[in-house]
Amino acid sequence: MEAVLARSVADRAPQDTGTAFPDSVGTVVLWMRVTGAGGQTLHHVWFHGDDNVGDVPLTVGGSPWRTWSRKSVPADAKGAWHVEIRDEGGNVLKRIDFTVGQ
């Protein structure tokens, strides 16, 4: 599995990737490319600090498969964030930490 955070996606590819974003970013995208998981539903679970602020289910339609989710980031939501990619059973497959406004 390949996964990165980005400011946007163009032509199904992540743009302006990173792990630190200004508080004016507005939206952060978690882009992933998965192989061998066709038919499964993976979840992008977004956290600001320890607070779960979003759970986005994404169905994997084939192999390889590219998909992504977007999270709105309010200007006052500074600090530590992370997003987890979880399988259908809730197991964490990958975690990416990032900061906003630091």
N, C-alpha and C. Protein backbone atom coordinates (compact mmCIF):
# COMPACT_ATOMS: atom_id res chain seq x y z
N MET A 1 0.84 -1.19 0.00
CA MET A 1 0.00 0.00 0.00
C MET A 1 0.89 1.24 0.00
N GLU A 2 0.50 2.16 -0.85
CA GLU A 2 1.17 3.45 -0.90
C GLU A 2 0.15 4.49 -0.45
N ALA A 3 0.55 5.41 0.42
CA ALA A 3 -0.38 6.43 0.89
C ALA A 3 0.40 7.70 1.22
N VAL A 4 -0.15 8.85 0.79
CA VAL A 4 0.47 10.14 1.08
C VAL A 4 -0.61 11.18 1.35
N LEU A 5 -0.23 12.20 2.09
CA LEU A 5 -1.08 13.36 2.30
C LEU A 5 -0.73 14.42 1.27
N ALA A 6 -1.74 15.14 0.81
CA ALA A 6 -1.54 16.14 -0.23
C ALA A 6 -2.55 17.26 -0.06
N ARG A 7 -2.29 18.35 -0.78
CA ARG A 7 -3.26 19.46 -0.79
C ARG A 7 -4.41 19.18 -1.75
N SER A 8 -4.12 18.41 -2.82
CA SER A 8 -5.16 18.14 -3.82
C SER A 8 -4.78 16.91 -4.63
N VAL A 9 -5.71 16.49 -5.48
CA VAL A 9 -5.49 15.39 -6.41
C VAL A 9 -5.83 15.88 -7.80
N ALA A 10 -4.95 15.61 -8.76
CA ALA A 10 -5.20 15.96 -10.16
C ALA A 10 -4.85 14.74 -11.00
N ASP A 11 -5.73 14.39 -11.93
CA ASP A 11 -5.52 13.20 -12.76
C ASP A 11 -5.20 11.97 -11.90
N ARG A 12 -5.93 11.81 -10.82
CA ARG A 12 -5.80 10.69 -9.88
C ARG A 12 -4.42 10.58 -9.24
N ALA A 13 -3.66 11.68 -9.22
CA ALA A 13 -2.34 11.69 -8.60
C ALA A 13 -2.28 12.80 -7.55
N PRO A 14 -1.60 12.55 -6.42
CA PRO A 14 -1.52 13.56 -5.36
C PRO A 14 -0.65 14.74 -5.77
N GLN A 15 -1.06 15.94 -5.34
CA GLN A 15 -0.35 17.18 -5.66
C GLN A 15 0.05 17.87 -4.35
N ASP A 16 1.27 18.41 -4.31
CA ASP A 16 1.75 19.14 -3.13
C ASP A 16 1.69 18.27 -1.88
N THR A 17 2.40 17.16 -1.89
CA THR A 17 2.38 16.24 -0.76
C THR A 17 3.23 16.77 0.38
N GLY A 18 2.95 16.28 1.59
CA GLY A 18 3.73 16.68 2.75
C GLY A 18 3.12 16.19 4.04
N THR A 19 3.74 16.56 5.15
CA THR A 19 3.21 16.22 6.47
C THR A 19 3.09 17.45 7.36
N ALA A 20 3.27 18.63 6.79
CA ALA A 20 3.06 19.88 7.52
C ALA A 20 2.35 20.84 6.59
N PHE A 21 1.24 21.40 7.07
CA PHE A 21 0.42 22.28 6.24
C PHE A 21 0.12 23.56 7.01
N PRO A 22 -0.01 24.70 6.32
CA PRO A 22 -0.36 25.94 7.00
C PRO A 22 -1.82 25.90 7.46
N ASP A 23 -2.16 26.75 8.44
CA ASP A 23 -3.54 26.74 8.93
C ASP A 23 -4.53 27.24 7.89
N SER A 24 -4.01 27.78 6.78
CA SER A 24 -4.87 28.24 5.69
C SER A 24 -5.11 27.15 4.64
N VAL A 25 -4.67 25.92 4.91
CA VAL A 25 -4.73 24.85 3.89
C VAL A 25 -6.16 24.57 3.43
N GLY A 26 -7.13 24.64 4.35
CA GLY A 26 -8.52 24.44 3.98
C GLY A 26 -8.92 22.98 3.90
N THR A 27 -8.21 22.19 3.11
CA THR A 27 -8.52 20.78 2.92
C THR A 27 -7.22 19.99 2.79
N VAL A 28 -7.20 18.82 3.40
CA VAL A 28 -6.09 17.88 3.24
C VAL A 28 -6.66 16.61 2.63
N VAL A 29 -5.91 16.01 1.72
CA VAL A 29 -6.33 14.80 1.03
C VAL A 29 -5.42 13.64 1.43
N LEU A 30 -6.01 12.50 1.76
CA LEU A 30 -5.23 11.27 1.92
C LEU A 30 -5.46 10.44 0.66
N TRP A 31 -4.39 10.28 -0.12
CA TRP A 31 -4.42 9.51 -1.37
C TRP A 31 -3.76 8.17 -1.11
N MET A 32 -4.35 7.10 -1.65
CA MET A 32 -3.72 5.79 -1.48
C MET A 32 -3.83 4.97 -2.76
N ARG A 33 -2.86 4.09 -2.91
CA ARG A 33 -2.85 3.11 -4.00
C ARG A 33 -2.72 1.75 -3.35
N VAL A 34 -3.70 0.90 -3.61
CA VAL A 34 -3.78 -0.40 -2.94
C VAL A 34 -3.72 -1.50 -3.99
N THR A 35 -3.02 -2.58 -3.68
CA THR A 35 -3.02 -3.76 -4.54
C THR A 35 -3.52 -4.95 -3.73
N GLY A 36 -4.22 -5.83 -4.40
CA GLY A 36 -4.67 -7.08 -3.79
C GLY A 36 -5.79 -6.96 -2.79
N ALA A 37 -6.54 -5.87 -2.81
CA ALA A 37 -7.62 -5.68 -1.83
C ALA A 37 -8.97 -5.45 -2.53
N GLY A 38 -9.09 -5.90 -3.77
CA GLY A 38 -10.32 -5.68 -4.52
C GLY A 38 -11.54 -6.21 -3.78
N GLY A 39 -12.59 -5.41 -3.73
CA GLY A 39 -13.83 -5.79 -3.07
C GLY A 39 -13.89 -5.44 -1.60
N GLN A 40 -12.77 -5.11 -0.99
CA GLN A 40 -12.77 -4.74 0.42
C GLN A 40 -13.15 -3.28 0.60
N THR A 41 -13.59 -2.94 1.80
CA THR A 41 -13.82 -1.55 2.17
C THR A 41 -12.75 -1.16 3.17
N LEU A 42 -11.99 -0.14 2.83
CA LEU A 42 -10.99 0.41 3.75
C LEU A 42 -11.51 1.74 4.27
N HIS A 43 -11.10 2.09 5.47
CA HIS A 43 -11.56 3.32 6.11
C HIS A 43 -10.40 4.28 6.30
N HIS A 44 -10.65 5.55 5.96
CA HIS A 44 -9.74 6.63 6.33
C HIS A 44 -10.34 7.27 7.58
N VAL A 45 -9.65 7.11 8.70
CA VAL A 45 -10.15 7.64 9.97
C VAL A 45 -9.26 8.81 10.37
N TRP A 46 -9.86 10.00 10.41
CA TRP A 46 -9.14 11.25 10.64
C TRP A 46 -9.21 11.65 12.11
N PHE A 47 -8.08 12.13 12.64
CA PHE A 47 -8.00 12.56 14.04
C PHE A 47 -7.34 13.93 14.13
N HIS A 48 -7.92 14.80 14.96
CA HIS A 48 -7.27 16.05 15.38
C HIS A 48 -6.95 15.85 16.85
N GLY A 49 -5.66 15.74 17.16
CA GLY A 49 -5.26 15.32 18.51
C GLY A 49 -5.76 13.90 18.71
N ASP A 50 -6.52 13.67 19.80
CA ASP A 50 -7.08 12.35 20.06
C ASP A 50 -8.55 12.26 19.64
N ASP A 51 -9.09 13.32 19.06
CA ASP A 51 -10.50 13.35 18.69
C ASP A 51 -10.72 12.81 17.29
N ASN A 52 -11.57 11.79 17.16
CA ASN A 52 -11.96 11.26 15.86
C ASN A 52 -12.87 12.28 15.20
N VAL A 53 -12.43 12.83 14.06
CA VAL A 53 -13.19 13.87 13.38
C VAL A 53 -13.70 13.43 12.01
N GLY A 54 -13.56 12.15 11.71
CA GLY A 54 -14.10 11.67 10.44
C GLY A 54 -13.71 10.24 10.15
N ASP A 55 -14.65 9.49 9.58
CA ASP A 55 -14.41 8.11 9.16
C ASP A 55 -15.02 7.96 7.77
N VAL A 56 -14.15 7.78 6.78
CA VAL A 56 -14.60 7.73 5.40
C VAL A 56 -14.39 6.31 4.85
N PRO A 57 -15.49 5.56 4.60
CA PRO A 57 -15.35 4.23 4.01
C PRO A 57 -15.11 4.34 2.51
N LEU A 58 -14.13 3.58 2.01
CA LEU A 58 -13.80 3.59 0.58
C LEU A 58 -13.75 2.15 0.09
N THR A 59 -14.55 1.85 -0.91
CA THR A 59 -14.56 0.50 -1.47
C THR A 59 -13.49 0.38 -2.54
N VAL A 60 -12.68 -0.65 -2.40
CA VAL A 60 -11.60 -0.91 -3.36
C VAL A 60 -12.19 -1.74 -4.50
N GLY A 61 -12.17 -1.17 -5.71
CA GLY A 61 -12.85 -1.78 -6.83
C GLY A 61 -12.01 -2.73 -7.67
N GLY A 62 -10.71 -2.77 -7.43
CA GLY A 62 -9.85 -3.63 -8.24
C GLY A 62 -8.44 -3.62 -7.71
N SER A 63 -7.51 -4.12 -8.51
CA SER A 63 -6.11 -4.16 -8.10
C SER A 63 -5.23 -3.93 -9.32
N PRO A 64 -4.38 -2.90 -9.31
CA PRO A 64 -4.26 -1.89 -8.25
C PRO A 64 -5.42 -0.90 -8.31
N TRP A 65 -5.63 -0.18 -7.21
CA TRP A 65 -6.75 0.75 -7.11
C TRP A 65 -6.28 2.02 -6.43
N ARG A 66 -6.62 3.17 -7.03
CA ARG A 66 -6.28 4.47 -6.42
C ARG A 66 -7.56 5.12 -5.94
N THR A 67 -7.53 5.63 -4.73
CA THR A 67 -8.68 6.33 -4.19
C THR A 67 -8.19 7.32 -3.14
N TRP A 68 -9.07 8.19 -2.69
CA TRP A 68 -8.67 9.20 -1.72
C TRP A 68 -9.88 9.74 -0.99
N SER A 69 -9.60 10.39 0.15
CA SER A 69 -10.63 11.10 0.89
C SER A 69 -10.10 12.49 1.23
N ARG A 70 -11.03 13.40 1.42
CA ARG A 70 -10.68 14.79 1.76
C ARG A 70 -11.20 15.11 3.15
N LYS A 71 -10.43 15.92 3.87
CA LYS A 71 -10.86 16.37 5.19
C LYS A 71 -10.74 17.89 5.24
N SER A 72 -11.86 18.55 5.54
CA SER A 72 -11.83 20.00 5.75
C SER A 72 -11.11 20.30 7.05
N VAL A 73 -10.22 21.29 6.99
CA VAL A 73 -9.42 21.66 8.16
C VAL A 73 -9.73 23.11 8.51
N PRO A 74 -10.51 23.35 9.58
CA PRO A 74 -10.79 24.73 9.98
C PRO A 74 -9.50 25.45 10.34
N ALA A 75 -9.46 26.76 10.12
CA ALA A 75 -8.26 27.55 10.37
C ALA A 75 -7.81 27.48 11.83
N ASP A 76 -8.77 27.23 12.75
CA ASP A 76 -8.40 27.18 14.18
C ASP A 76 -8.05 25.77 14.64
N ALA A 77 -8.03 24.80 13.72
CA ALA A 77 -7.74 23.41 14.09
C ALA A 77 -6.25 23.12 13.94
N LYS A 78 -5.45 23.90 14.64
CA LYS A 78 -4.00 23.76 14.55
C LYS A 78 -3.50 22.62 15.40
N GLY A 79 -2.26 22.22 15.15
CA GLY A 79 -1.63 21.22 16.00
C GLY A 79 -1.48 19.88 15.33
N ALA A 80 -1.45 18.85 16.18
CA ALA A 80 -1.18 17.49 15.72
C ALA A 80 -2.44 16.83 15.17
N TRP A 81 -2.30 16.25 14.01
CA TRP A 81 -3.34 15.47 13.36
C TRP A 81 -2.75 14.12 12.97
N HIS A 82 -3.60 13.15 12.74
CA HIS A 82 -3.17 11.94 12.06
C HIS A 82 -4.37 11.28 11.38
N VAL A 83 -4.07 10.44 10.44
CA VAL A 83 -5.11 9.69 9.74
C VAL A 83 -4.67 8.23 9.70
N GLU A 84 -5.62 7.35 9.96
CA GLU A 84 -5.36 5.92 9.94
C GLU A 84 -6.11 5.28 8.79
N ILE A 85 -5.46 4.35 8.12
CA ILE A 85 -6.13 3.52 7.13
C ILE A 85 -6.43 2.21 7.83
N ARG A 86 -7.70 1.86 7.93
CA ARG A 86 -8.12 0.66 8.65
C ARG A 86 -8.84 -0.30 7.71
N ASP A 87 -8.72 -1.60 8.01
CA ASP A 87 -9.45 -2.58 7.24
C ASP A 87 -10.86 -2.73 7.80
N GLU A 88 -11.62 -3.66 7.22
CA GLU A 88 -13.02 -3.83 7.63
C GLU A 88 -13.16 -4.23 9.08
N GLY A 89 -12.13 -4.89 9.63
CA GLY A 89 -12.17 -5.31 11.03
C GLY A 89 -11.69 -4.25 12.01
N GLY A 90 -11.30 -3.07 11.50
CA GLY A 90 -10.83 -2.00 12.36
C GLY A 90 -9.34 -2.01 12.63
N ASN A 91 -8.62 -2.96 12.03
CA ASN A 91 -7.16 -3.02 12.21
C ASN A 91 -6.49 -1.88 11.46
N VAL A 92 -5.52 -1.24 12.10
CA VAL A 92 -4.80 -0.13 11.47
C VAL A 92 -3.74 -0.70 10.53
N LEU A 93 -3.88 -0.39 9.24
CA LEU A 93 -2.93 -0.84 8.23
C LEU A 93 -1.80 0.16 8.06
N LYS A 94 -2.11 1.43 8.24
CA LYS A 94 -1.10 2.49 8.08
C LYS A 94 -1.59 3.71 8.84
N ARG A 95 -0.63 4.44 9.42
CA ARG A 95 -0.94 5.70 10.11
C ARG A 95 0.02 6.75 9.57
N ILE A 96 -0.53 7.92 9.29
CA ILE A 96 0.30 9.05 8.86
C ILE A 96 0.01 10.23 9.78
N ASP A 97 1.05 10.73 10.42
CA ASP A 97 0.94 11.90 11.29
C ASP A 97 1.22 13.16 10.48
N PHE A 98 0.51 14.24 10.81
CA PHE A 98 0.80 15.52 10.17
C PHE A 98 0.43 16.66 11.12
N THR A 99 0.95 17.84 10.80
CA THR A 99 0.67 19.02 11.61
C THR A 99 0.05 20.10 10.75
N VAL A 100 -0.74 20.94 11.42
CA VAL A 100 -1.38 22.08 10.76
C VAL A 100 -1.00 23.34 11.54
N GLY A 101 -0.50 24.33 10.82
CA GLY A 101 -0.23 25.63 11.41
C GLY A 101 0.96 25.70 12.33
N GLN A 102 1.91 24.82 12.18
CA GLN A 102 3.08 24.82 13.07
C GLN A 102 4.23 25.52 12.40
